[in-house]
C-alpha atoms as a PDB file:
ATOM      1  CA  UNK A   1       4.783  14.979 -15.403  1.00  0.00           C
ATOM      2  CA  UNK A   2       6.354  17.043 -12.052  1.00  0.00           C
ATOM      3  CA  UNK A   3       6.117  15.169  -8.960  1.00  0.00           C
ATOM      4  CA  UNK A   4       5.470  17.182  -6.112  1.00  0.00           C
ATOM      5  CA  UNK A   5       7.321  18.312  -3.346  1.00  0.00           C
ATOM      6  CA  UNK A   6       7.667  15.401  -0.170  1.00  0.00           C
ATOM      7  CA  UNK A   7       4.461  15.736   1.836  1.00  0.00           C
ATOM      8  CA  UNK A   8       2.576  13.542   4.638  1.00  0.00           C
ATOM      9  CA  UNK A   9      -0.698  12.655   4.579  1.00  0.00           C
ATOM     10  CA  UNK A  10      -2.393  13.223   8.085  1.00  0.00           C
ATOM     11  CA  UNK A  11      -3.170   9.396   7.963  1.00  0.00           C
ATOM     12  CA  UNK A  12       0.392   8.583   7.694  1.00  0.00           C
ATOM     13  CA  UNK A  13       1.430  11.315  10.827  1.00  0.00           C
ATOM     14  CA  UNK A  14      -1.321   9.221  12.750  1.00  0.00           C
ATOM     15  CA  UNK A  15      -0.349   6.135  11.601  1.00  0.00           C
ATOM     16  CA  UNK A  16       3.953   6.662  12.958  1.00  0.00           C
ATOM     17  CA  UNK A  17       2.915   7.871  16.104  1.00  0.00           C
ATOM     18  CA  UNK A  18       1.240   5.052  16.822  1.00  0.00           C
ATOM     19  CA  UNK A  19       3.728   2.999  15.387  1.00  0.00           C
ATOM     20  CA  UNK A  20       6.732   4.755  17.073  1.00  0.00           C
ATOM     21  CA  UNK A  21       4.496   4.215  20.492  1.00  0.00           C
ATOM     22  CA  UNK A  22       4.704  -0.074  19.446  1.00  0.00           C
ATOM     23  CA  UNK A  23       8.238   0.441  18.674  1.00  0.00           C
ATOM     24  CA  UNK A  24       9.775   2.239  21.416  1.00  0.00           C
ATOM     25  CA  UNK A  25       7.252  -0.140  23.965  1.00  0.00           C
ATOM     26  CA  UNK A  26       4.995   1.898  24.774  1.00  0.00           C
ATOM     27  CA  UNK A  27       2.631  -0.825  23.444  1.00  0.00           C
ATOM     28  CA  UNK A  28       4.757  -4.087  23.498  1.00  0.00           C
ATOM     29  CA  UNK A  29       4.484  -7.117  21.688  1.00  0.00           C
ATOM     30  CA  UNK A  30       1.124  -8.858  22.775  1.00  0.00           C
ATOM     31  CA  UNK A  31      -0.481  -5.736  24.914  1.00  0.00           C
ATOM     32  CA  UNK A  32      -3.813  -4.418  24.379  1.00  0.00           C
ATOM     33  CA  UNK A  33      -4.141  -0.773  22.823  1.00  0.00           C
ATOM     34  CA  UNK A  34      -6.759   1.460  25.005  1.00  0.00           C
ATOM     35  CA  UNK A  35     -10.484   1.660  23.255  1.00  0.00           C
ATOM     36  CA  UNK A  36     -11.244   4.505  20.360  1.00  0.00           C
ATOM     37  CA  UNK A  37     -12.098   6.732  22.531  1.00  0.00           C
ATOM     38  CA  UNK A  38      -9.346   6.858  24.902  1.00  0.00           C
ATOM     39  CA  UNK A  39      -7.271   6.223  22.670  1.00  0.00           C
ATOM     40  CA  UNK A  40      -8.378   9.509  20.233  1.00  0.00           C
ATOM     41  CA  UNK A  41      -8.547  11.345  23.567  1.00  0.00           C
ATOM     42  CA  UNK A  42      -4.661  11.092  24.529  1.00  0.00           C
ATOM     43  CA  UNK A  43      -3.750  11.509  20.674  1.00  0.00           C
ATOM     44  CA  UNK A  44      -5.412  14.630  20.254  1.00  0.00           C
ATOM     45  CA  UNK A  45      -7.081  13.447  17.365  1.00  0.00           C
ATOM     46  CA  UNK A  46     -11.025  13.084  15.702  1.00  0.00           C
ATOM     47  CA  UNK A  47     -11.925   8.745  16.172  1.00  0.00           C
ATOM     48  CA  UNK A  48     -12.903   8.502  12.386  1.00  0.00           C
ATOM     49  CA  UNK A  49      -8.886   9.763  11.735  1.00  0.00           C
ATOM     50  CA  UNK A  50      -7.920   7.298  14.635  1.00  0.00           C
ATOM     51  CA  UNK A  51     -10.014   4.342  13.092  1.00  0.00           C
ATOM     52  CA  UNK A  52      -8.542   4.686   9.718  1.00  0.00           C
ATOM     53  CA  UNK A  53      -4.934   4.708  11.304  1.00  0.00           C
ATOM     54  CA  UNK A  54      -5.816   1.568  13.219  1.00  0.00           C
ATOM     55  CA  UNK A  55      -7.200   0.017  10.071  1.00  0.00           C
ATOM     56  CA  UNK A  56      -3.500   0.363   8.047  1.00  0.00           C
ATOM     57  CA  UNK A  57      -1.602  -0.859  10.917  1.00  0.00           C
ATOM     58  CA  UNK A  58      -3.928  -3.727  11.162  1.00  0.00           C
ATOM     59  CA  UNK A  59      -3.287  -4.036   7.106  1.00  0.00           C
ATOM     60  CA  UNK A  60       0.013  -3.899   8.165  1.00  0.00           C
ATOM     61  CA  UNK A  61       0.380  -6.788  10.156  1.00  0.00           C
ATOM     62  CA  UNK A  62       1.348  -4.461  13.416  1.00  0.00           C
ATOM     63  CA  UNK A  63      -1.841  -4.748  14.763  1.00  0.00           C
ATOM     64  CA  UNK A  64      -4.312  -7.553  15.345  1.00  0.00           C
ATOM     65  CA  UNK A  65      -8.213  -7.495  16.509  1.00  0.00           C
ATOM     66  CA  UNK A  66      -9.463 -10.152  19.296  1.00  0.00           C
ATOM     67  CA  UNK A  67     -13.032 -10.983  19.928  1.00  0.00           C
ATOM     68  CA  UNK A  68     -13.931  -9.206  23.604  1.00  0.00           C
ATOM     69  CA  UNK A  69     -10.197  -7.940  23.690  1.00  0.00           C
ATOM     70  CA  UNK A  70      -9.769  -5.316  21.313  1.00  0.00           C
ATOM     71  CA  UNK A  71      -7.186  -4.472  19.223  1.00  0.00           C
ATOM     72  CA  UNK A  72      -3.204  -5.828  20.235  1.00  0.00           C
ATOM     73  CA  UNK A  73      -0.032  -5.463  19.095  1.00  0.00           C
ATOM     74  CA  UNK A  74       1.514  -8.330  17.071  1.00  0.00           C
ATOM     75  CA  UNK A  75       4.802  -9.734  17.384  1.00  0.00           C
ATOM     76  CA  UNK A  76       5.342 -10.966  13.377  1.00  0.00           C
ATOM     77  CA  UNK A  77       2.884 -10.690  10.710  1.00  0.00           C
ATOM     78  CA  UNK A  78       2.240 -13.694   9.218  1.00  0.00           C
ATOM     79  CA  UNK A  79       2.854 -14.615   5.460  1.00  0.00           C
ATOM     80  CA  UNK A  80       0.085 -15.597   2.313  1.00  0.00           C
ATOM     81  CA  UNK A  81       1.170 -16.471  -0.887  1.00  0.00           C
ATOM     82  CA  UNK A  82      -0.306 -14.724  -3.989  1.00  0.00           C
ATOM     83  CA  UNK A  83       2.389 -13.989  -7.305  1.00  0.00           C
ATOM     84  CA  UNK A  84       1.582 -12.743 -10.321  1.00  0.00           C
ATOM     85  CA  UNK A  85       3.826  -9.914 -11.559  1.00  0.00           C
ATOM     86  CA  UNK A  86       1.388  -8.170 -14.081  1.00  0.00           C
ATOM     87  CA  UNK A  87      -0.336  -4.675 -13.515  1.00  0.00           C
ATOM     88  CA  UNK A  88      -3.687  -4.711 -11.517  1.00  0.00           C
ATOM     89  CA  UNK A  89      -5.389  -3.219 -14.242  1.00  0.00           C
ATOM     90  CA  UNK A  90      -4.777  -6.188 -16.753  1.00  0.00           C
ATOM     91  CA  UNK A  91      -4.592  -8.902 -14.092  1.00  0.00           C
ATOM     92  CA  UNK A  92      -8.218  -8.002 -13.003  1.00  0.00           C
ATOM     93  CA  UNK A  93      -9.413  -6.210 -16.552  1.00  0.00           C
ATOM     94  CA  UNK A  94     -12.469  -8.386 -18.013  1.00  0.00           C
ATOM     95  CA  UNK A  95     -12.725  -7.788 -21.847  1.00  0.00           C
ATOM     96  CA  UNK A  96      -9.702  -5.138 -21.470  1.00  0.00           C
ATOM     97  CA  UNK A  97      -7.579  -3.296 -19.314  1.00  0.00           C
ATOM     98  CA  UNK A  98      -9.184  -1.153 -16.512  1.00  0.00           C
ATOM     99  CA  UNK A  99      -8.629   3.068 -16.920  1.00  0.00           C
ATOM    100  CA  UNK A 100      -6.047   3.705 -14.499  1.00  0.00           C
ATOM    101  CA  UNK A 101      -6.636   7.391 -13.415  1.00  0.00           C
ATOM    102  CA  UNK A 102      -4.256   9.403 -11.337  1.00  0.00           C
ATOM    103  CA  UNK A 103      -5.430  10.830  -7.655  1.00  0.00           C
ATOM    104  CA  UNK A 104      -1.458  11.971  -6.304  1.00  0.00           C
ATOM    105  CA  UNK A 105       2.002  11.485  -7.614  1.00  0.00           C
ATOM    106  CA  UNK A 106       4.044  12.728  -4.874  1.00  0.00           C
ATOM    107  CA  UNK A 107       6.869  11.851  -2.821  1.00  0.00           C
ATOM    108  CA  UNK A 108       6.982  10.895   0.500  1.00  0.00           C
ATOM    109  CA  UNK A 109       9.409   9.588   3.325  1.00  0.00           C
ATOM    110  CA  UNK A 110       9.397   6.173   4.524  1.00  0.00           C
ATOM    111  CA  UNK A 111       6.293   5.164   6.572  1.00  0.00           C
ATOM    112  CA  UNK A 112       7.090   1.428   8.859  1.00  0.00           C
ATOM    113  CA  UNK A 113       5.296  -0.338   5.964  1.00  0.00           C
ATOM    114  CA  UNK A 114       8.093   1.187   2.459  1.00  0.00           C
ATOM    115  CA  UNK A 115      10.830   0.506   5.588  1.00  0.00           C
ATOM    116  CA  UNK A 116       9.710  -3.136   6.154  1.00  0.00           C
ATOM    117  CA  UNK A 117       9.140  -3.769   2.599  1.00  0.00           C
ATOM    118  CA  UNK A 118      11.898  -1.550   0.423  1.00  0.00           C
ATOM    119  CA  UNK A 119      14.436  -1.187   3.005  1.00  0.00           C
ATOM    120  CA  UNK A 120      13.817   2.653   2.881  1.00  0.00           C
ATOM    121  CA  UNK A 121      16.131   4.116   5.628  1.00  0.00           C
ATOM    122  CA  UNK A 122      15.115   7.516   7.578  1.00  0.00           C
ATOM    123  CA  UNK A 123      14.349  10.807   5.675  1.00  0.00           C
ATOM    124  CA  UNK A 124      14.713   9.171   2.376  1.00  0.00           C
ATOM    125  CA  UNK A 125      12.616  10.022  -0.808  1.00  0.00           C
ATOM    126  CA  UNK A 126      10.541   7.528  -1.951  1.00  0.00           C
ATOM    127  CA  UNK A 127       8.004   8.258  -5.204  1.00  0.00           C
ATOM    128  CA  UNK A 128       4.398   7.560  -4.309  1.00  0.00           C
ATOM    129  CA  UNK A 129       1.877   6.750  -6.810  1.00  0.00           C
ATOM    130  CA  UNK A 130      -2.063   6.425  -5.603  1.00  0.00           C
ATOM    131  CA  UNK A 131      -4.385   5.554  -8.672  1.00  0.00           C
ATOM    132  CA  UNK A 132      -8.151   4.466  -9.078  1.00  0.00           C
ATOM    133  CA  UNK A 133      -8.958   1.155 -11.365  1.00  0.00           C
ATOM    134  CA  UNK A 134     -12.170   2.056 -13.042  1.00  0.00           C
ATOM    135  CA  UNK A 135     -14.363  -0.320 -15.677  1.00  0.00           C
ATOM    136  CA  UNK A 136     -17.699   0.282 -16.833  1.00  0.00           C
ATOM    137  CA  UNK A 137     -18.608   3.830 -14.962  1.00  0.00           C
ATOM    138  CA  UNK A 138     -17.389   2.620 -11.473  1.00  0.00           C
ATOM    139  CA  UNK A 139     -14.202   2.042  -9.293  1.00  0.00           C
ATOM    140  CA  UNK A 140     -13.041  -1.466  -9.646  1.00  0.00           C
ATOM    141  CA  UNK A 141      -9.753  -0.799  -6.841  1.00  0.00           C
ATOM    142  CA  UNK A 142      -7.734   1.918  -5.305  1.00  0.00           C
ATOM    143  CA  UNK A 143      -3.893   1.382  -5.723  1.00  0.00           C
ATOM    144  CA  UNK A 144      -0.887   2.623  -3.560  1.00  0.00           C
ATOM    145  CA  UNK A 145       2.479   2.288  -4.744  1.00  0.00           C
ATOM    146  CA  UNK A 146       5.859   3.536  -3.596  1.00  0.00           C
ATOM    147  CA  UNK A 147       9.272   2.789  -5.558  1.00  0.00           C
ATOM    148  CA  UNK A 148      12.727   2.501  -4.017  1.00  0.00           C
ATOM    149  CA  UNK A 149      14.749   5.529  -3.687  1.00  0.00           C
ATOM    150  CA  UNK A 150      16.410   6.684  -6.458  1.00  0.00           C
ATOM    151  CA  UNK A 151      20.033   6.053  -5.178  1.00  0.00           C
ATOM    152  CA  UNK A 152      18.926   2.441  -5.002  1.00  0.00           C
ATOM    153  CA  UNK A 153      16.711   2.046  -8.318  1.00  0.00           C
ATOM    154  CA  UNK A 154      20.057   3.319  -9.974  1.00  0.00           C
ATOM    155  CA  UNK A 155      21.920   0.413  -8.901  1.00  0.00           C
ATOM    156  CA  UNK A 156      19.340  -2.048  -9.431  1.00  0.00           C
ATOM    157  CA  UNK A 157      17.426  -1.438 -12.018  1.00  0.00           C
ATOM    158  CA  UNK A 158      18.264   1.989 -14.051  1.00  0.00           C
ATOM    159  CA  UNK A 159      15.818   1.526 -16.974  1.00  0.00           C
ATOM    160  CA  UNK A 160      13.200   1.373 -13.950  1.00  0.00           C
ATOM    161  CA  UNK A 161      14.647   5.111 -12.404  1.00  0.00           C
ATOM    162  CA  UNK A 162      14.889   6.483 -15.568  1.00  0.00           C
ATOM    163  CA  UNK A 163      11.223   5.304 -16.822  1.00  0.00           C
ATOM    164  CA  UNK A 164       9.767   6.550 -13.504  1.00  0.00           C
ATOM    165  CA  UNK A 165      12.010  10.241 -14.514  1.00  0.00           C
ATOM    166  CA  UNK A 166      10.229  10.484 -17.956  1.00  0.00           C
ATOM    167  CA  UNK A 167       6.651   8.326 -18.258  1.00  0.00           C
ATOM    168  CA  UNK A 168       4.364  10.790 -20.511  1.00  0.00           C
ATOM    169  CA  UNK A 169       1.657   8.654 -19.149  1.00  0.00           C
ATOM    170  CA  UNK A 170       2.006   8.740 -15.446  1.00  0.00           C
ATOM    171  CA  UNK A 171      -1.551   9.960 -15.062  1.00  0.00           C
ATOM    172  CA  UNK A 172      -2.882   7.291 -16.952  1.00  0.00           C
ATOM    173  CA  UNK A 173      -0.574   4.288 -15.887  1.00  0.00           C
ATOM    174  CA  UNK A 174       0.098   2.651 -13.286  1.00  0.00           C
ATOM    175  CA  UNK A 175       4.015   2.023 -11.341  1.00  0.00           C
ATOM    176  CA  UNK A 176       3.908  -1.572 -11.826  1.00  0.00           C
ATOM    177  CA  UNK A 177       2.978  -1.280 -15.694  1.00  0.00           C
ATOM    178  CA  UNK A 178       6.123   1.274 -15.647  1.00  0.00           C
ATOM    179  CA  UNK A 179       8.068  -1.013 -13.598  1.00  0.00           C
ATOM    180  CA  UNK A 180       7.197  -4.456 -15.714  1.00  0.00           C
ATOM    181  CA  UNK A 181       7.473  -2.424 -19.439  1.00  0.00           C
ATOM    182  CA  UNK A 182      11.055  -1.199 -18.590  1.00  0.00           C
ATOM    183  CA  UNK A 183      12.204  -5.045 -17.477  1.00  0.00           C
ATOM    184  CA  UNK A 184      12.494  -6.908 -20.243  1.00  0.00           C
ATOM    185  CA  UNK A 185      15.392  -9.114 -20.294  1.00  0.00           C
ATOM    186  CA  UNK A 186      15.211  -7.870 -16.045  1.00  0.00           C
ATOM    187  CA  UNK A 187      14.243 -11.202 -14.461  1.00  0.00           C
ATOM    188  CA  UNK A 188      11.771  -9.948 -11.529  1.00  0.00           C
ATOM    189  CA  UNK A 189      10.563 -11.570  -8.637  1.00  0.00           C
ATOM    190  CA  UNK A 190       7.864 -10.675  -6.292  1.00  0.00           C
ATOM    191  CA  UNK A 191       6.107 -11.972  -2.990  1.00  0.00           C
ATOM    192  CA  UNK A 192       2.617 -10.702  -2.226  1.00  0.00           C
ATOM    193  CA  UNK A 193      -0.204 -11.142   0.792  1.00  0.00           C
ATOM    194  CA  UNK A 194      -4.000 -10.936   0.474  1.00  0.00           C
ATOM    195  CA  UNK A 195      -6.061 -10.243   3.120  1.00  0.00           C
ATOM    196  CA  UNK A 196      -9.581  -9.275   4.084  1.00  0.00           C
ATOM    197  CA  UNK A 197     -10.462  -5.973   5.569  1.00  0.00           C
ATOM    198  CA  UNK A 198     -13.007  -3.001   4.775  1.00  0.00           C
ATOM    199  CA  UNK A 199     -12.408  -0.010   2.953  1.00  0.00           C
ATOM    200  CA  UNK A 200     -12.203   2.406   6.247  1.00  0.00           C
ATOM    201  CA  UNK A 201     -13.622   6.364   5.488  1.00  0.00           C
ATOM    202  CA  UNK A 202     -11.135   7.862   3.318  1.00  0.00           C
ATOM    203  CA  UNK A 203     -10.415   4.984   0.903  1.00  0.00           C
ATOM    204  CA  UNK A 204     -14.261   4.335   0.916  1.00  0.00           C
ATOM    205  CA  UNK A 205     -15.191   8.029  -0.073  1.00  0.00           C
ATOM    206  CA  UNK A 206     -11.884   7.339  -2.678  1.00  0.00           C
ATOM    207  CA  UNK A 207     -14.302   4.017  -4.335  1.00  0.00           C
ATOM    208  CA  UNK A 208     -17.523   5.396  -3.648  1.00  0.00           C
ATOM    209  CA  UNK A 209     -18.530   2.935  -1.568  1.00  0.00           C
ATOM    210  CA  UNK A 210     -19.156   3.437   2.767  1.00  0.00           C
ATOM    211  CA  UNK A 211     -16.482   2.974   4.803  1.00  0.00           C
ATOM    212  CA  UNK A 212     -17.472  -0.511   6.421  1.00  0.00           C
ATOM    213  CA  UNK A 213     -17.443  -2.460   2.680  1.00  0.00           C
ATOM    214  CA  UNK A 214     -15.649  -5.806   2.887  1.00  0.00           C
ATOM    215  CA  UNK A 215     -12.798  -5.577   0.819  1.00  0.00           C
ATOM    216  CA  UNK A 216      -9.483  -8.022  -0.234  1.00  0.00           C
ATOM    217  CA  UNK A 217      -6.430  -5.748   0.351  1.00  0.00           C
ATOM    218  CA  UNK A 218      -3.453  -7.317  -1.376  1.00  0.00           C
ATOM    219  CA  UNK A 219       0.010  -6.235  -0.480  1.00  0.00           C
ATOM    220  CA  UNK A 220       2.810  -6.955  -3.311  1.00  0.00           C
ATOM    221  CA  UNK A 221       6.796  -6.254  -3.553  1.00  0.00           C
ATOM    222  CA  UNK A 222       8.245  -6.683  -6.405  1.00  0.00           C
ATOM    223  CA  UNK A 223      12.410  -7.138  -6.177  1.00  0.00           C
ATOM    224  CA  UNK A 224      15.026  -7.672  -9.012  1.00  0.00           C
ATOM    225  CA  UNK A 225      17.886 -10.022  -7.400  1.00  0.00           C
ATOM    226  CA  UNK A 226      17.842  -9.242  -3.703  1.00  0.00           C
ATOM    227  CA  UNK A 227      16.536  -5.470  -4.001  1.00  0.00           C
ATOM    228  CA  UNK A 228      13.363  -4.393  -3.251  1.00  0.00           C
ATOM    229  CA  UNK A 229      11.816  -1.961  -6.150  1.00  0.00           C
ATOM    230  CA  UNK A 230       8.586  -1.585  -5.745  1.00  0.00           C
ATOM    231  CA  UNK A 231       6.204  -2.049  -3.479  1.00  0.00           C
ATOM    232  CA  UNK A 232       2.256  -1.535  -3.404  1.00  0.00           C
ATOM    233  CA  UNK A 233      -1.224  -1.984  -1.249  1.00  0.00           C
ATOM    234  CA  UNK A 234      -4.030  -2.835  -3.747  1.00  0.00           C
ATOM    235  CA  UNK A 235      -7.987  -2.400  -2.378  1.00  0.00           C
ATOM    236  CA  UNK A 236     -10.157  -4.743  -4.182  1.00  0.00           C
ATOM    237  CA  UNK A 237     -13.604  -3.956  -2.444  1.00  0.00           C
ATOM    238  CA  UNK A 238     -16.472  -6.034  -3.043  1.00  0.00           C
ATOM    239  CA  UNK A 239     -18.014  -6.197  -6.292  1.00  0.00           C
ATOM    240  CA  UNK A 240     -14.055  -6.045  -8.323  1.00  0.00           C
ATOM    241  CA  UNK A 241     -13.360  -8.680 -10.856  1.00  0.00           C
ATOM    242  CA  UNK A 242     -12.314 -11.473 -10.291  1.00  0.00           C
ATOM    243  CA  UNK A 243      -8.370 -11.466  -8.964  1.00  0.00           C
ATOM    244  CA  UNK A 244      -6.675 -14.765 -10.395  1.00  0.00           C
ATOM    245  CA  UNK A 245      -4.594 -16.275  -7.912  1.00  0.00           C
ATOM    246  CA  UNK A 246      -1.980 -18.437  -8.424  1.00  0.00           C
ATOM    247  CA  UNK A 247      -0.637 -21.149  -5.758  1.00  0.00           C
ATOM    248  CA  UNK A 248       2.910 -23.208  -5.829  1.00  0.00           C
ATOM    249  CA  UNK A 249       4.651 -24.789  -3.065  1.00  0.00           C
END
């Protein structure tokens, strides 16, 4: 399957505008963002679009919400643990893997999320896969996965790089499944975090759920040695199959 040319989703562009304002000191650590109506007016965007971008910034640890105060800029995001290097469609499937349906297969420039977790330089080109995982007639999860830049993969995991280029069923498999399938004999390590959130407007439409549906967000980074090769966000709304969690000390 051919990968489309570089593109940037509108919510990503808005996300980066706010993230840039945080990094350049317009909104320093500990400061409170303007109210949604005021911020939407300053940025010239709709409130639903702004709310979606703010939710993503909150999920990625740049913002937090304090009752009676509003959204404040974080200093350092907390880390919580969840580890299991297994494709999500297999991990949460009951009675067999869930079906994977491609929503988008594209190439994107780095965002704060991929810069932080994949150490991607500005203007790098990263493969981005967005997939819906479905069980019996209903969507169970939404996955967004990014691979490290091709030159990084060629050095760290050339078999994975080749598999991404030639995967014949890319619309029916996840990127993590491609990685695990290409990693026989290659030791992988991972770190993941689990947070509570809401699905939001755009992902609610993709999942067929109201925007205010509670959900679990799993952020996952997979490495070969010290080199991150894949970063992902997995959104599991209320009613999704149970997620097995392995805890260790």
